[in-house]
Amino acid sequence: MLFVLATDSVKRSEALCDYLEPRLDGSDAVLAVNSQRGGDRTSTEKLDRGEEALSVVERRLSGIVPVDTRQVVRGNDPTEDVLGVVERYEPDEIVMGIRRHSATSKLVFGSVAQDILMTANVPMRVVPVPEE
């Protein structure tokens, strides 16, 4: 199976790896994706945090299965980037982490995981990420 992991932080990557690691076997593969908008909206620190998040996935899972990582910086919304990766690579499953949000924060800020869940035609696992 091919799993697409969408991550934006070390903590999220750790949670996704904790979930996925015991479920993987040698016939599986993982493609980890970090989406950044780019331009004025993305600082060097955000890009570095995205690379760190991808490094966690590679370090944790590459001894078990092939792992490919992609940091996407195209000026798109993360939902659009993740869905583009899903369309291109046709994974068997998407694995994403979510944090608890209040009803107000969801309404104001939206939810990438929720948008992908409502749009993707691929099974999806949603993994809780511990509060920071």
Protein backbone atom coordinates (compact mmCIF):
# COMPACT_ATOMS: atom_id res chain seq x y z
CA MET A 1 0.00 0.00 0.00
CA LEU A 2 1.04 3.58 -0.61
CA PHE A 3 0.34 5.96 2.25
CA VAL A 4 0.40 9.75 1.85
CA LEU A 5 1.18 11.50 5.14
CA ALA A 6 0.41 15.22 5.34
CA THR A 7 2.41 16.97 8.05
CA ASP A 8 3.30 20.47 9.17
CA SER A 9 5.17 19.89 12.42
CA VAL A 10 7.49 17.53 14.24
CA LYS A 11 4.74 16.75 16.77
CA ARG A 12 2.28 15.87 13.98
CA SER A 13 4.90 13.71 12.23
CA GLU A 14 5.60 11.86 15.48
CA ALA A 15 1.89 11.15 15.98
CA LEU A 16 1.48 9.94 12.39
CA CYS A 17 4.53 7.68 12.70
CA ASP A 18 3.30 6.32 16.06
CA TYR A 19 0.05 5.35 14.34
CA LEU A 20 1.49 4.01 11.10
CA GLU A 21 4.71 2.28 12.19
CA PRO A 22 3.12 -0.88 13.65
CA ARG A 23 0.81 -1.20 10.62
CA LEU A 24 3.52 -1.14 7.94
CA ASP A 25 5.11 -4.13 6.23
CA GLY A 26 7.83 -4.39 3.61
CA SER A 27 5.39 -4.13 0.70
CA ASP A 28 4.19 -0.66 1.76
CA ALA A 29 5.59 2.78 0.89
CA VAL A 30 5.16 6.24 2.40
CA LEU A 31 5.07 9.64 0.73
CA ALA A 32 5.24 12.45 3.31
CA VAL A 33 4.12 15.91 2.20
CA ASN A 34 4.62 19.33 3.74
CA SER A 35 2.83 22.22 2.02
CA GLN A 36 3.93 25.84 2.39
CA ARG A 37 2.37 28.80 0.61
CA GLY A 38 5.68 30.49 -0.21
CA GLY A 39 6.42 34.14 -0.89
CA ASP A 40 5.68 36.67 1.86
CA ARG A 41 3.43 34.16 3.62
CA THR A 42 6.22 31.70 4.44
CA SER A 43 9.20 32.50 6.61
CA THR A 44 12.47 30.63 6.56
CA GLU A 45 11.52 29.28 9.98
CA LYS A 46 8.29 27.77 8.58
CA LEU A 47 10.21 26.13 5.76
CA ASP A 48 12.73 24.77 8.25
CA ARG A 49 9.94 23.42 10.49
CA GLY A 50 8.42 21.71 7.46
CA GLU A 51 11.75 20.09 6.59
CA GLU A 52 12.15 18.96 10.21
CA ALA A 53 8.67 17.43 10.11
CA LEU A 54 9.57 15.50 6.95
CA SER A 55 12.87 14.39 8.47
CA VAL A 56 11.03 12.79 11.39
CA VAL A 57 8.99 10.65 9.00
CA GLU A 58 12.07 9.64 7.04
CA ARG A 59 14.05 8.83 10.17
CA ARG A 60 11.25 6.87 11.84
CA LEU A 61 9.92 4.87 8.87
CA SER A 62 12.70 4.47 6.28
CA GLY A 63 14.10 1.40 8.06
CA ILE A 64 10.75 -0.33 7.54
CA VAL A 65 9.50 0.83 4.12
CA PRO A 66 10.59 3.12 1.28
CA VAL A 67 9.92 6.75 2.27
CA ASP A 68 9.79 9.71 -0.10
CA THR A 69 9.34 13.27 1.16
CA ARG A 70 8.11 16.38 -0.62
CA GLN A 71 8.00 19.97 0.57
CA VAL A 72 5.60 21.75 -1.77
CA VAL A 73 5.93 25.55 -2.06
CA ARG A 74 3.63 26.73 -4.85
CA GLY A 75 1.50 29.48 -3.36
CA ASN A 76 -1.43 27.08 -2.95
CA ASP A 77 -3.58 26.30 0.03
CA PRO A 78 -2.29 23.12 1.75
CA THR A 79 -5.56 21.35 0.88
CA GLU A 80 -4.93 21.96 -2.82
CA ASP A 81 -1.33 20.74 -2.58
CA VAL A 82 -2.20 17.54 -0.71
CA LEU A 83 -5.06 16.78 -3.10
CA GLY A 84 -2.68 17.35 -6.02
CA VAL A 85 -0.25 14.80 -4.57
CA VAL A 86 -3.13 12.37 -4.05
CA GLU A 87 -4.26 12.80 -7.65
CA ARG A 88 -0.74 12.34 -9.02
CA TYR A 89 0.38 9.34 -6.93
CA GLU A 90 -2.98 7.61 -6.33
CA PRO A 91 -2.25 6.39 -2.79
CA ASP A 92 -4.24 3.70 -1.06
CA GLU A 93 -4.69 5.85 2.03
CA ILE A 94 -4.14 9.38 3.33
CA VAL A 95 -2.97 9.74 6.94
CA MET A 96 -3.39 13.13 8.61
CA GLY A 97 -3.25 14.45 12.13
CA ILE A 98 -5.76 16.75 13.74
CA ARG A 99 -5.71 18.86 16.89
CA ARG A 100 -8.78 19.69 18.89
CA HIS A 101 -10.36 22.95 17.82
CA SER A 102 -13.18 24.91 19.30
CA ALA A 103 -16.22 25.43 17.11
CA THR A 104 -15.20 29.09 16.69
CA SER A 105 -11.64 28.37 15.55
CA LYS A 106 -12.89 25.83 13.01
CA LEU A 107 -15.40 28.31 11.68
CA VAL A 108 -12.86 31.14 11.41
CA PHE A 109 -9.78 29.22 10.30
CA GLY A 110 -11.21 26.14 8.59
CA SER A 111 -9.57 22.76 8.70
CA VAL A 112 -7.24 21.29 6.08
CA ALA A 113 -8.03 17.77 7.29
CA GLN A 114 -11.76 18.42 7.08
CA ASP A 115 -11.45 19.88 3.57
CA ILE A 116 -9.42 16.89 2.38
CA LEU A 117 -11.81 14.46 4.03
CA MET A 118 -14.73 16.03 2.20
CA THR A 119 -12.94 16.15 -1.17
CA ALA A 120 -10.57 13.19 -1.55
CA ASN A 121 -11.78 9.96 -3.10
CA VAL A 122 -9.24 7.94 -1.12
CA PRO A 123 -9.65 6.33 2.30
CA MET A 124 -8.32 8.56 5.04
CA ARG A 125 -7.10 7.98 8.59
CA VAL A 126 -7.29 10.87 11.00
CA VAL A 127 -4.87 10.62 13.91
CA PRO A 128 -5.22 12.77 17.04
CA VAL A 129 -2.17 14.96 17.72
CA PRO A 130 -1.42 15.76 21.38
CA GLU A 131 -1.81 19.37 22.44
CA GLU A 132 1.41 21.41 22.47
